[in-house]
Amino acid sequence: MPKHEPLENMLIDNKLALIQATAEVMATTPEAIIGNRKTFAEALARQIVMTLWAEGHSLQASCEIVGRTHHTAAFYARRKIHERLQYCEATRERMKMILKKYSEIILEPFEKNQ
């Protein structure tokens, strides 16, 4: 089994854009991602947000953006997503789509001004 590619060399520094991009790709809402429900789609979206945020921020900060209080939630999420990236093509595609959507959201104000 091939190793997954490292996450894009992109600094993710806008938490609202990250949550919005993830919500759109995962067909859920930002409120569901930061909420307490634990359906598969919402939990996976939350784990993806924590994983991507943890690439450039602390585990504690990764928890806080989705309304969790302890860094172990981000540690677990990061481990789970990185494992899924090893074997799950759907997860790899979701991550690519989320990063693409995040870039679009971030660049949208600049494109409007041109």
PDB file of N, CA and C in Angstrom:
ATOM      1  N   MET A   1       0.849  -1.184   0.000  1.00  0.00           N
ATOM      2  CA  MET A   1       0.000   0.000   0.000  1.00  0.00           C
ATOM      3  C   MET A   1       0.891   1.242   0.000  1.00  0.00           C
ATOM      4  N   PRO A   2       0.683   2.170  -0.937  1.00  0.00           N
ATOM      5  CA  PRO A   2       1.525   3.363  -0.981  1.00  0.00           C
ATOM      6  C   PRO A   2       1.235   4.285   0.196  1.00  0.00           C
ATOM      7  N   LYS A   3       2.257   4.965   0.641  1.00  0.00           N
ATOM      8  CA  LYS A   3       2.072   5.932   1.713  1.00  0.00           C
ATOM      9  C   LYS A   3       1.315   7.129   1.164  1.00  0.00           C
ATOM     10  N   HIS A   4       0.534   7.774   2.018  1.00  0.00           N
ATOM     11  CA  HIS A   4      -0.195   8.953   1.565  1.00  0.00           C
ATOM     12  C   HIS A   4       0.771  10.110   1.363  1.00  0.00           C
ATOM     13  N   GLU A   5       0.374  10.985   0.494  1.00  0.00           N
ATOM     14  CA  GLU A   5       1.157  12.191   0.260  1.00  0.00           C
ATOM     15  C   GLU A   5       1.020  13.089   1.486  1.00  0.00           C
ATOM     16  N   PRO A   6       2.056  13.836   1.829  1.00  0.00           N
ATOM     17  CA  PRO A   6       1.924  14.764   2.946  1.00  0.00           C
ATOM     18  C   PRO A   6       0.849  15.793   2.628  1.00  0.00           C
ATOM     19  N   LEU A   7       0.258  16.325   3.675  1.00  0.00           N
ATOM     20  CA  LEU A   7      -0.763  17.348   3.457  1.00  0.00           C
ATOM     21  C   LEU A   7      -0.145  18.495   2.688  1.00  0.00           C
ATOM     22  N   GLU A   8      -0.954  19.151   1.916  1.00  0.00           N
ATOM     23  CA  GLU A   8      -0.475  20.259   1.096  1.00  0.00           C
ATOM     24  C   GLU A   8       0.383  21.200   1.940  1.00  0.00           C
ATOM     25  N   ASN A   9       1.396  21.756   1.331  1.00  0.00           N
ATOM     26  CA  ASN A   9       2.260  22.706   2.025  1.00  0.00           C
ATOM     27  C   ASN A   9       1.567  24.060   2.082  1.00  0.00           C
ATOM     28  N   MET A  10       0.470  24.085   2.759  1.00  0.00           N
ATOM     29  CA  MET A  10      -0.364  25.269   2.839  1.00  0.00           C
ATOM     30  C   MET A  10      -0.576  25.603   4.309  1.00  0.00           C
ATOM     31  N   LEU A  11      -0.326  26.837   4.665  1.00  0.00           N
ATOM     32  CA  LEU A  11      -0.609  27.253   6.029  1.00  0.00           C
ATOM     33  C   LEU A  11      -2.104  27.522   6.146  1.00  0.00           C
ATOM     34  N   ILE A  12      -2.738  26.793   7.004  1.00  0.00           N
ATOM     35  CA  ILE A  12      -4.168  26.983   7.248  1.00  0.00           C
ATOM     36  C   ILE A  12      -4.273  27.906   8.452  1.00  0.00           C
ATOM     37  N   ASP A  13      -4.668  29.140   8.213  1.00  0.00           N
ATOM     38  CA  ASP A  13      -4.678  30.107   9.304  1.00  0.00           C
ATOM     39  C   ASP A  13      -6.005  30.857   9.446  1.00  0.00           C
ATOM     40  N   ASN A  14      -7.023  30.412   8.734  1.00  0.00           N
ATOM     41  CA  ASN A  14      -8.337  31.026   8.842  1.00  0.00           C
ATOM     42  C   ASN A  14      -9.324  29.946   9.258  1.00  0.00           C
ATOM     43  N   LYS A  15      -9.634  29.916  10.552  1.00  0.00           N
ATOM     44  CA  LYS A  15     -10.467  28.821  11.062  1.00  0.00           C
ATOM     45  C   LYS A  15     -11.878  28.852  10.500  1.00  0.00           C
ATOM     46  N   LEU A  16     -12.441  30.022  10.306  1.00  0.00           N
ATOM     47  CA  LEU A  16     -13.799  30.083   9.762  1.00  0.00           C
ATOM     48  C   LEU A  16     -13.847  29.561   8.333  1.00  0.00           C
ATOM     49  N   ALA A  17     -12.840  29.900   7.533  1.00  0.00           N
ATOM     50  CA  ALA A  17     -12.779  29.397   6.158  1.00  0.00           C
ATOM     51  C   ALA A  17     -12.583  27.889   6.146  1.00  0.00           C
ATOM     52  N   LEU A  18     -11.759  27.375   7.050  1.00  0.00           N
ATOM     53  CA  LEU A  18     -11.535  25.928   7.125  1.00  0.00           C
ATOM     54  C   LEU A  18     -12.820  25.197   7.503  1.00  0.00           C
ATOM     55  N   ILE A  19     -13.523  25.689   8.485  1.00  0.00           N
ATOM     56  CA  ILE A  19     -14.772  25.053   8.900  1.00  0.00           C
ATOM     57  C   ILE A  19     -15.807  25.140   7.785  1.00  0.00           C
ATOM     58  N   GLN A  20     -15.898  26.295   7.117  1.00  0.00           N
ATOM     59  CA  GLN A  20     -16.849  26.456   6.012  1.00  0.00           C
ATOM     60  C   GLN A  20     -16.515  25.515   4.857  1.00  0.00           C
ATOM     61  N   ALA A  21     -15.245  25.440   4.481  1.00  0.00           N
ATOM     62  CA  ALA A  21     -14.836  24.553   3.385  1.00  0.00           C
ATOM     63  C   ALA A  21     -15.142  23.102   3.719  1.00  0.00           C
ATOM     64  N   THR A  22     -14.850  22.705   4.932  1.00  0.00           N
ATOM     65  CA  THR A  22     -15.114  21.326   5.353  1.00  0.00           C
ATOM     66  C   THR A  22     -16.609  21.050   5.360  1.00  0.00           C
ATOM     67  N   ALA A  23     -17.384  21.982   5.846  1.00  0.00           N
ATOM     68  CA  ALA A  23     -18.838  21.802   5.878  1.00  0.00           C
ATOM     69  C   ALA A  23     -19.395  21.628   4.467  1.00  0.00           C
ATOM     70  N   GLU A  24     -18.934  22.441   3.536  1.00  0.00           N
ATOM     71  CA  GLU A  24     -19.424  22.342   2.157  1.00  0.00           C
ATOM     72  C   GLU A  24     -19.060  21.007   1.524  1.00  0.00           C
ATOM     73  N   VAL A  25     -17.827  20.583   1.686  1.00  0.00           N
ATOM     74  CA  VAL A  25     -17.388  19.321   1.081  1.00  0.00           C
ATOM     75  C   VAL A  25     -18.072  18.126   1.742  1.00  0.00           C
ATOM     76  N   MET A  26     -18.244  18.187   3.044  1.00  0.00           N
ATOM     77  CA  MET A  26     -18.811  17.064   3.782  1.00  0.00           C
ATOM     78  C   MET A  26     -20.340  17.122   3.857  1.00  0.00           C
ATOM     79  N   ALA A  27     -20.939  18.086   3.187  1.00  0.00           N
ATOM     80  CA  ALA A  27     -22.403  18.230   3.137  1.00  0.00           C
ATOM     81  C   ALA A  27     -23.019  18.305   4.532  1.00  0.00           C
ATOM     82  N   THR A  28     -22.447  19.176   5.341  1.00  0.00           N
ATOM     83  CA  THR A  28     -22.978  19.430   6.671  1.00  0.00           C
ATOM     84  C   THR A  28     -22.922  20.938   6.905  1.00  0.00           C
ATOM     85  N   THR A  29     -23.093  21.367   8.116  1.00  0.00           N
ATOM     86  CA  THR A  29     -23.063  22.801   8.415  1.00  0.00           C
ATOM     87  C   THR A  29     -21.913  23.103   9.372  1.00  0.00           C
ATOM     88  N   PRO A  30     -21.450  24.348   9.371  1.00  0.00           N
ATOM     89  CA  PRO A  30     -20.430  24.719  10.353  1.00  0.00           C
ATOM     90  C   PRO A  30     -20.903  24.476  11.786  1.00  0.00           C
ATOM     91  N   GLU A  31     -22.182  24.724  12.040  1.00  0.00           N
ATOM     92  CA  GLU A  31     -22.734  24.505  13.383  1.00  0.00           C
ATOM     93  C   GLU A  31     -22.649  23.037  13.788  1.00  0.00           C
ATOM     94  N   ALA A  32     -22.849  22.146  12.830  1.00  0.00           N
ATOM     95  CA  ALA A  32     -22.759  20.715  13.125  1.00  0.00           C
ATOM     96  C   ALA A  32     -21.321  20.312  13.432  1.00  0.00           C
ATOM     97  N   ILE A  33     -20.368  20.934  12.746  1.00  0.00           N
ATOM     98  CA  ILE A  33     -18.959  20.596  12.976  1.00  0.00           C
ATOM     99  C   ILE A  33     -18.527  21.008  14.377  1.00  0.00           C
ATOM    100  N   ILE A  34     -18.987  22.148  14.833  1.00  0.00           N
ATOM    101  CA  ILE A  34     -18.581  22.597  16.165  1.00  0.00           C
ATOM    102  C   ILE A  34     -19.556  22.144  17.246  1.00  0.00           C
ATOM    103  N   GLY A  35     -20.594  21.449  16.858  1.00  0.00           N
ATOM    104  CA  GLY A  35     -21.590  20.965  17.810  1.00  0.00           C
ATOM    105  C   GLY A  35     -21.185  19.678  18.491  1.00  0.00           C
ATOM    106  N   ASN A  36     -22.134  19.089  19.193  1.00  0.00           N
ATOM    107  CA  ASN A  36     -21.865  17.892  19.986  1.00  0.00           C
ATOM    108  C   ASN A  36     -22.359  16.601  19.354  1.00  0.00           C
ATOM    109  N   ARG A  37     -23.122  16.686  18.273  1.00  0.00           N
ATOM    110  CA  ARG A  37     -23.632  15.462  17.658  1.00  0.00           C
ATOM    111  C   ARG A  37     -22.480  14.619  17.136  1.00  0.00           C
ATOM    112  N   LYS A  38     -22.714  13.310  17.089  1.00  0.00           N
ATOM    113  CA  LYS A  38     -21.638  12.408  16.700  1.00  0.00           C
ATOM    114  C   LYS A  38     -22.028  11.499  15.545  1.00  0.00           C
ATOM    115  N   THR A  39     -22.766  12.023  14.578  1.00  0.00           N
ATOM    116  CA  THR A  39     -23.014  11.211  13.396  1.00  0.00           C
ATOM    117  C   THR A  39     -21.682  11.030  12.678  1.00  0.00           C
ATOM    118  N   PHE A  40     -21.600  10.034  11.820  1.00  0.00           N
ATOM    119  CA  PHE A  40     -20.340   9.753  11.135  1.00  0.00           C
ATOM    120  C   PHE A  40     -19.843  10.970  10.367  1.00  0.00           C
ATOM    121  N   ALA A  41     -20.710  11.586   9.570  1.00  0.00           N
ATOM    122  CA  ALA A  41     -20.294  12.720   8.736  1.00  0.00           C
ATOM    123  C   ALA A  41     -19.817  13.891   9.591  1.00  0.00           C
ATOM    124  N   GLU A  42     -20.536  14.200  10.649  1.00  0.00           N
ATOM    125  CA  GLU A  42     -20.145  15.321  11.505  1.00  0.00           C
ATOM    126  C   GLU A  42     -18.847  15.032  12.256  1.00  0.00           C
ATOM    127  N   ALA A  43     -18.711  13.821  12.767  1.00  0.00           N
ATOM    128  CA  ALA A  43     -17.490  13.464  13.494  1.00  0.00           C
ATOM    129  C   ALA A  43     -16.287  13.453  12.563  1.00  0.00           C
ATOM    130  N   LEU A  44     -16.458  12.911  11.362  1.00  0.00           N
ATOM    131  CA  LEU A  44     -15.361  12.888  10.399  1.00  0.00           C
ATOM    132  C   LEU A  44     -14.976  14.308   9.986  1.00  0.00           C
ATOM    133  N   ALA A  45     -15.953  15.151   9.740  1.00  0.00           N
ATOM    134  CA  ALA A  45     -15.683  16.547   9.386  1.00  0.00           C
ATOM    135  C   ALA A  45     -14.920  17.239  10.510  1.00  0.00           C
ATOM    136  N   ARG A  46     -15.338  17.021  11.734  1.00  0.00           N
ATOM    137  CA  ARG A  46     -14.679  17.606  12.901  1.00  0.00           C
ATOM    138  C   ARG A  46     -13.231  17.119  13.002  1.00  0.00           C
ATOM    139  N   GLN A  47     -13.022  15.828  12.770  1.00  0.00           N
ATOM    140  CA  GLN A  47     -11.676  15.270  12.832  1.00  0.00           C
ATOM    141  C   GLN A  47     -10.782  15.833  11.729  1.00  0.00           C
ATOM    142  N   ILE A  48     -11.357  16.032  10.561  1.00  0.00           N
ATOM    143  CA  ILE A  48     -10.590  16.624   9.462  1.00  0.00           C
ATOM    144  C   ILE A  48     -10.188  18.058   9.794  1.00  0.00           C
ATOM    145  N   VAL A  49     -11.111  18.832  10.336  1.00  0.00           N
ATOM    146  CA  VAL A  49     -10.801  20.210  10.721  1.00  0.00           C
ATOM    147  C   VAL A  49      -9.669  20.224  11.747  1.00  0.00           C
ATOM    148  N   MET A  50      -9.780  19.388  12.774  1.00  0.00           N
ATOM    149  CA  MET A  50      -8.733  19.357  13.800  1.00  0.00           C
ATOM    150  C   MET A  50      -7.391  18.936  13.208  1.00  0.00           C
ATOM    151  N   THR A  51      -7.406  17.965  12.309  1.00  0.00           N
ATOM    152  CA  THR A  51      -6.172  17.482  11.697  1.00  0.00           C
ATOM    153  C   THR A  51      -5.507  18.573  10.870  1.00  0.00           C
ATOM    154  N   LEU A  52      -6.278  19.228  10.022  1.00  0.00           N
ATOM    155  CA  LEU A  52      -5.707  20.272   9.176  1.00  0.00           C
ATOM    156  C   LEU A  52      -5.224  21.455  10.013  1.00  0.00           C
ATOM    157  N   TRP A  53      -5.972  21.830  11.036  1.00  0.00           N
ATOM    158  CA  TRP A  53      -5.563  22.951  11.885  1.00  0.00           C
ATOM    159  C   TRP A  53      -4.293  22.596  12.666  1.00  0.00           C
ATOM    160  N   ALA A  54      -4.176  21.331  13.066  1.00  0.00           N
ATOM    161  CA  ALA A  54      -3.013  20.902  13.851  1.00  0.00           C
ATOM    162  C   ALA A  54      -1.725  20.902  13.040  1.00  0.00           C
ATOM    163  N   GLU A  55      -1.814  20.973  11.718  1.00  0.00           N
ATOM    164  CA  GLU A  55      -0.604  21.016  10.898  1.00  0.00           C
ATOM    165  C   GLU A  55       0.196  22.284  11.154  1.00  0.00           C
ATOM    166  N   GLY A  56      -0.459  23.346  11.595  1.00  0.00           N
ATOM    167  CA  GLY A  56       0.256  24.600  11.830  1.00  0.00           C
ATOM    168  C   GLY A  56      -0.022  25.228  13.180  1.00  0.00           C
ATOM    169  N   HIS A  57      -0.763  24.511  14.018  1.00  0.00           N
ATOM    170  CA  HIS A  57      -1.150  25.054  15.317  1.00  0.00           C
ATOM    171  C   HIS A  57      -1.049  23.951  16.364  1.00  0.00           C
ATOM    172  N   SER A  58      -1.197  24.315  17.606  1.00  0.00           N
ATOM    173  CA  SER A  58      -1.113  23.326  18.679  1.00  0.00           C
ATOM    174  C   SER A  58      -2.332  22.403  18.665  1.00  0.00           C
ATOM    175  N   LEU A  59      -2.177  21.245  19.289  1.00  0.00           N
ATOM    176  CA  LEU A  59      -3.309  20.331  19.417  1.00  0.00           C
ATOM    177  C   LEU A  59      -4.426  20.977  20.232  1.00  0.00           C
ATOM    178  N   GLN A  60      -4.064  21.738  21.255  1.00  0.00           N
ATOM    179  CA  GLN A  60      -5.083  22.402  22.067  1.00  0.00           C
ATOM    180  C   GLN A  60      -5.881  23.402  21.224  1.00  0.00           C
ATOM    181  N   ALA A  61      -5.195  24.167  20.393  1.00  0.00           N
ATOM    182  CA  ALA A  61      -5.882  25.124  19.520  1.00  0.00           C
ATOM    183  C   ALA A  61      -6.770  24.393  18.524  1.00  0.00           C
ATOM    184  N   SER A  62      -6.330  23.218  18.094  1.00  0.00           N
ATOM    185  CA  SER A  62      -7.112  22.422  17.152  1.00  0.00           C
ATOM    186  C   SER A  62      -8.418  21.955  17.771  1.00  0.00           C
ATOM    187  N   CYS A  63      -8.386  21.665  19.047  1.00  0.00           N
ATOM    188  CA  CYS A  63      -9.614  21.270  19.745  1.00  0.00           C
ATOM    189  C   CYS A  63     -10.554  22.456  19.924  1.00  0.00           C
ATOM    190  N   GLU A  64      -9.978  23.555  20.302  1.00  0.00           N
ATOM    191  CA  GLU A  64     -10.784  24.724  20.635  1.00  0.00           C
ATOM    192  C   GLU A  64     -11.593  25.244  19.454  1.00  0.00           C
ATOM    193  N   ILE A  65     -11.086  25.119  18.219  1.00  0.00           N
ATOM    194  CA  ILE A  65     -11.842  25.670  17.092  1.00  0.00           C
ATOM    195  C   ILE A  65     -13.097  24.861  16.780  1.00  0.00           C
ATOM    196  N   VAL A  66     -13.175  23.628  17.300  1.00  0.00           N
ATOM    197  CA  VAL A  66     -14.389  22.830  17.091  1.00  0.00           C
ATOM    198  C   VAL A  66     -15.136  22.619  18.405  1.00  0.00           C
ATOM    199  N   GLY A  67     -14.834  23.437  19.394  1.00  0.00           N
ATOM    200  CA  GLY A  67     -15.593  23.412  20.638  1.00  0.00           C
ATOM    201  C   GLY A  67     -15.233  22.295  21.599  1.00  0.00           C
ATOM    202  N   ARG A  68     -14.060  21.719  21.449  1.00  0.00           N
ATOM    203  CA  ARG A  68     -13.611  20.693  22.381  1.00  0.00           C
ATOM    204  C   ARG A  68     -12.648  21.336  23.365  1.00  0.00           C
ATOM    205  N   THR A  69     -12.456  20.691  24.513  1.00  0.00           N
ATOM    206  CA  THR A  69     -11.660  21.335  25.555  1.00  0.00           C
ATOM    207  C   THR A  69     -10.320  20.685  25.832  1.00  0.00           C
ATOM    208  N   HIS A  70     -10.118  19.455  25.410  1.00  0.00           N
ATOM    209  CA  HIS A  70      -8.874  18.774  25.761  1.00  0.00           C
ATOM    210  C   HIS A  70      -8.119  18.336  24.526  1.00  0.00           C
ATOM    211  N   HIS A  71      -6.813  18.547  24.517  1.00  0.00           N
ATOM    212  CA  HIS A  71      -5.983  18.275  23.349  1.00  0.00           C
ATOM    213  C   HIS A  71      -5.980  16.814  22.925  1.00  0.00           C
ATOM    214  N   THR A  72      -6.383  15.912  23.786  1.00  0.00           N
ATOM    215  CA  THR A  72      -6.388  14.505  23.389  1.00  0.00           C
ATOM    216  C   THR A  72      -7.398  14.245  22.273  1.00  0.00           C
ATOM    217  N   ALA A  73      -8.442  15.046  22.189  1.00  0.00           N
ATOM    218  CA  ALA A  73      -9.408  14.894  21.085  1.00  0.00           C
ATOM    219  C   ALA A  73      -8.720  15.158  19.754  1.00  0.00           C
ATOM    220  N   ALA A  74      -7.873  16.176  19.700  1.00  0.00           N
ATOM    221  CA  ALA A  74      -7.151  16.484  18.462  1.00  0.00           C
ATOM    222  C   ALA A  74      -6.096  15.426  18.179  1.00  0.00           C
ATOM    223  N   PHE A  75      -5.454  14.919  19.208  1.00  0.00           N
ATOM    224  CA  PHE A  75      -4.468  13.867  19.031  1.00  0.00           C
ATOM    225  C   PHE A  75      -5.127  12.639  18.404  1.00  0.00           C
ATOM    226  N   TYR A  76      -6.260  12.240  18.948  1.00  0.00           N
ATOM    227  CA  TYR A  76      -7.004  11.096  18.420  1.00  0.00           C
ATOM    228  C   TYR A  76      -7.456  11.363  16.984  1.00  0.00           C
ATOM    229  N   ALA A  77      -8.009  12.548  16.740  1.00  0.00           N
ATOM    230  CA  ALA A  77      -8.501  12.894  15.399  1.00  0.00           C
ATOM    231  C   ALA A  77      -7.372  12.858  14.386  1.00  0.00           C
ATOM    232  N   ARG A  78      -6.258  13.440  14.733  1.00  0.00           N
ATOM    233  CA  ARG A  78      -5.107  13.492  13.825  1.00  0.00           C
ATOM    234  C   ARG A  78      -4.608  12.083  13.504  1.00  0.00           C
ATOM    235  N   ARG A  79      -4.498  11.250  14.526  1.00  0.00           N
ATOM    236  CA  ARG A  79      -4.053   9.870  14.311  1.00  0.00           C
ATOM    237  C   ARG A  79      -5.032   9.109  13.421  1.00  0.00           C
ATOM    238  N   LYS A  80      -6.319   9.281  13.683  1.00  0.00           N
ATOM    239  CA  LYS A  80      -7.339   8.572  12.912  1.00  0.00           C
ATOM    240  C   LYS A  80      -7.344   9.013  11.449  1.00  0.00           C
ATOM    241  N   ILE A  81      -7.278  10.314  11.202  1.00  0.00           N
ATOM    242  CA  ILE A  81      -7.299  10.808   9.823  1.00  0.00           C
ATOM    243  C   ILE A  81      -6.038  10.384   9.078  1.00  0.00           C
ATOM    244  N   HIS A  82      -4.891  10.471   9.718  1.00  0.00           N
ATOM    245  CA  HIS A  82      -3.658  10.042   9.050  1.00  0.00           C
ATOM    246  C   HIS A  82      -3.689   8.544   8.739  1.00  0.00           C
ATOM    247  N   GLU A  83      -4.290   7.743   9.610  1.00  0.00           N
ATOM    248  CA  GLU A  83      -4.457   6.311   9.319  1.00  0.00           C
ATOM    249  C   GLU A  83      -5.389   6.114   8.124  1.00  0.00           C
ATOM    250  N   ARG A  84      -6.509   6.844   8.115  1.00  0.00           N
ATOM    251  CA  ARG A  84      -7.470   6.722   7.014  1.00  0.00           C
ATOM    252  C   ARG A  84      -6.846   7.137   5.681  1.00  0.00           C
ATOM    253  N   LEU A  85      -5.957   8.115   5.719  1.00  0.00           N
ATOM    254  CA  LEU A  85      -5.303   8.548   4.488  1.00  0.00           C
ATOM    255  C   LEU A  85      -4.451   7.431   3.884  1.00  0.00           C
ATOM    256  N   GLN A  86      -4.026   6.500   4.702  1.00  0.00           N
ATOM    257  CA  GLN A  86      -3.210   5.377   4.234  1.00  0.00           C
ATOM    258  C   GLN A  86      -3.997   4.415   3.347  1.00  0.00           C
ATOM    259  N   TYR A  87      -5.288   4.222   3.656  1.00  0.00           N
ATOM    260  CA  TYR A  87      -6.034   3.159   2.973  1.00  0.00           C
ATOM    261  C   TYR A  87      -7.336   3.611   2.314  1.00  0.00           C
ATOM    262  N   CYS A  88      -7.779   4.798   2.576  1.00  0.00           N
ATOM    263  CA  CYS A  88      -9.116   5.204   2.105  1.00  0.00           C
ATOM    264  C   CYS A  88      -9.022   6.285   1.027  1.00  0.00           C
ATOM    265  N   GLU A  89      -9.288   5.891  -0.192  1.00  0.00           N
ATOM    266  CA  GLU A  89      -9.251   6.840  -1.308  1.00  0.00           C
ATOM    267  C   GLU A  89     -10.280   7.955  -1.112  1.00  0.00           C
ATOM    268  N   ALA A  90     -11.443   7.630  -0.571  1.00  0.00           N
ATOM    269  CA  ALA A  90     -12.481   8.643  -0.349  1.00  0.00           C
ATOM    270  C   ALA A  90     -11.989   9.726   0.613  1.00  0.00           C
ATOM    271  N   THR A  91     -11.277   9.331   1.638  1.00  0.00           N
ATOM    272  CA  THR A  91     -10.747  10.316   2.587  1.00  0.00           C
ATOM    273  C   THR A  91      -9.703  11.193   1.912  1.00  0.00           C
ATOM    274  N   ARG A  92      -8.830  10.586   1.107  1.00  0.00           N
ATOM    275  CA  ARG A  92      -7.833  11.381   0.379  1.00  0.00           C
ATOM    276  C   ARG A  92      -8.517  12.387  -0.541  1.00  0.00           C
ATOM    277  N   GLU A  93      -9.561  11.970  -1.232  1.00  0.00           N
ATOM    278  CA  GLU A  93     -10.284  12.877  -2.129  1.00  0.00           C
ATOM    279  C   GLU A  93     -10.979  13.991  -1.351  1.00  0.00           C
ATOM    280  N   ARG A  94     -11.579  13.646  -0.216  1.00  0.00           N
ATOM    281  CA  ARG A  94     -12.222  14.670   0.613  1.00  0.00           C
ATOM    282  C   ARG A  94     -11.207  15.717   1.071  1.00  0.00           C
ATOM    283  N   MET A  95     -10.047  15.251   1.497  1.00  0.00           N
ATOM    284  CA  MET A  95      -9.012  16.188   1.950  1.00  0.00           C
ATOM    285  C   MET A  95      -8.594  17.119   0.815  1.00  0.00           C
ATOM    286  N   LYS A  96      -8.392  16.572  -0.375  1.00  0.00           N
ATOM    287  CA  LYS A  96      -8.033  17.404  -1.528  1.00  0.00           C
ATOM    288  C   LYS A  96      -9.123  18.425  -1.823  1.00  0.00           C
ATOM    289  N   MET A  97     -10.376  17.979  -1.787  1.00  0.00           N
ATOM    290  CA  MET A  97     -11.494  18.881  -2.072  1.00  0.00           C
ATOM    291  C   MET A  97     -11.607  19.967  -1.005  1.00  0.00           C
ATOM    292  N   ILE A  98     -11.385  19.609   0.247  1.00  0.00           N
ATOM    293  CA  ILE A  98     -11.452  20.598   1.333  1.00  0.00           C
ATOM    294  C   ILE A  98     -10.343  21.630   1.171  1.00  0.00           C
ATOM    295  N   LEU A  99      -9.139  21.187   0.873  1.00  0.00           N
ATOM    296  CA  LEU A  99      -8.033  22.135   0.679  1.00  0.00           C
ATOM    297  C   LEU A  99      -8.284  23.044  -0.525  1.00  0.00           C
ATOM    298  N   LYS A 100      -8.853  22.485  -1.586  1.00  0.00           N
ATOM    299  CA  LYS A 100      -9.190  23.293  -2.765  1.00  0.00           C
ATOM    300  C   LYS A 100     -10.258  24.329  -2.420  1.00  0.00           C
ATOM    301  N   LYS A 101     -11.303  23.883  -1.721  1.00  0.00           N
ATOM    302  CA  LYS A 101     -12.393  24.792  -1.332  1.00  0.00           C
ATOM    303  C   LYS A 101     -11.873  25.861  -0.376  1.00  0.00           C
ATOM    304  N   TYR A 102     -11.001  25.482   0.554  1.00  0.00           N
ATOM    305  CA  TYR A 102     -10.402  26.447   1.477  1.00  0.00           C
ATOM    306  C   TYR A 102      -9.657  27.530   0.693  1.00  0.00           C
ATOM    307  N   SER A 103      -8.858  27.108  -0.285  1.00  0.00           N
ATOM    308  CA  SER A 103      -8.122  28.064  -1.112  1.00  0.00           C
ATOM    309  C   SER A 103      -9.070  29.002  -1.841  1.00  0.00           C
ATOM    310  N   GLU A 104     -10.154  28.454  -2.370  1.00  0.00           N
ATOM    311  CA  GLU A 104     -11.136  29.282  -3.083  1.00  0.00           C
ATOM    312  C   GLU A 104     -11.762  30.312  -2.154  1.00  0.00           C
ATOM    313  N   ILE A 105     -12.109  29.892  -0.948  1.00  0.00           N
ATOM    314  CA  ILE A 105     -12.728  30.815   0.013  1.00  0.00           C
ATOM    315  C   ILE A 105     -11.749  31.918   0.393  1.00  0.00           C
ATOM    316  N   ILE A 106     -10.496  31.549   0.615  1.00  0.00           N
ATOM    317  CA  ILE A 106      -9.480  32.525   1.004  1.00  0.00           C
ATOM    318  C   ILE A 106      -9.194  33.510  -0.130  1.00  0.00           C
ATOM    319  N   LEU A 107      -9.140  33.012  -1.362  1.00  0.00           N
ATOM    320  CA  LEU A 107      -8.779  33.857  -2.503  1.00  0.00           C
ATOM    321  C   LEU A 107      -9.957  34.647  -3.079  1.00  0.00           C
ATOM    322  N   GLU A 108     -11.165  34.287  -2.706  1.00  0.00           N
ATOM    323  CA  GLU A 108     -12.359  34.937  -3.253  1.00  0.00           C
ATOM    324  C   GLU A 108     -12.345  36.463  -3.140  1.00  0.00           C
ATOM    325  N   PRO A 109     -12.015  37.052  -1.974  1.00  0.00           N
ATOM    326  CA  PRO A 109     -12.000  38.523  -1.905  1.00  0.00           C
ATOM    327  C   PRO A 109     -10.978  39.169  -2.846  1.00  0.00           C
ATOM    328  N   PHE A 110      -9.850  38.498  -3.053  1.00  0.00           N
ATOM    329  CA  PHE A 110      -8.825  39.038  -3.947  1.00  0.00           C
ATOM    330  C   PHE A 110      -9.269  38.978  -5.395  1.00  0.00           C
ATOM    331  N   GLU A 111      -9.956  37.903  -5.760  1.00  0.00           N
ATOM    332  CA  GLU A 111     -10.414  37.749  -7.141  1.00  0.00           C
ATOM    333  C   GLU A 111     -11.508  38.749  -7.483  1.00  0.00           C
ATOM    334  N   LYS A 112     -12.327  39.120  -6.518  1.00  0.00           N
ATOM    335  CA  LYS A 112     -13.393  40.100  -6.751  1.00  0.00           C
ATOM    336  C   LYS A 112     -12.827  41.488  -7.033  1.00  0.00           C
ATOM    337  N   ASN A 113     -11.676  41.782  -6.447  1.00  0.00           N
ATOM    338  CA  ASN A 113     -11.070  43.111  -6.615  1.00  0.00           C
ATOM    339  C   ASN A 113     -10.323  43.270  -7.930  1.00  0.00           C
ATOM    340  N   GLN A 114     -10.199  42.208  -8.689  1.00  0.00           N
ATOM    341  CA  GLN A 114      -9.447  42.317  -9.941  1.00  0.00           C
ATOM    342  C   GLN A 114     -10.348  42.498 -11.117  1.00  0.00           C
TER     343      GLN A 114
END
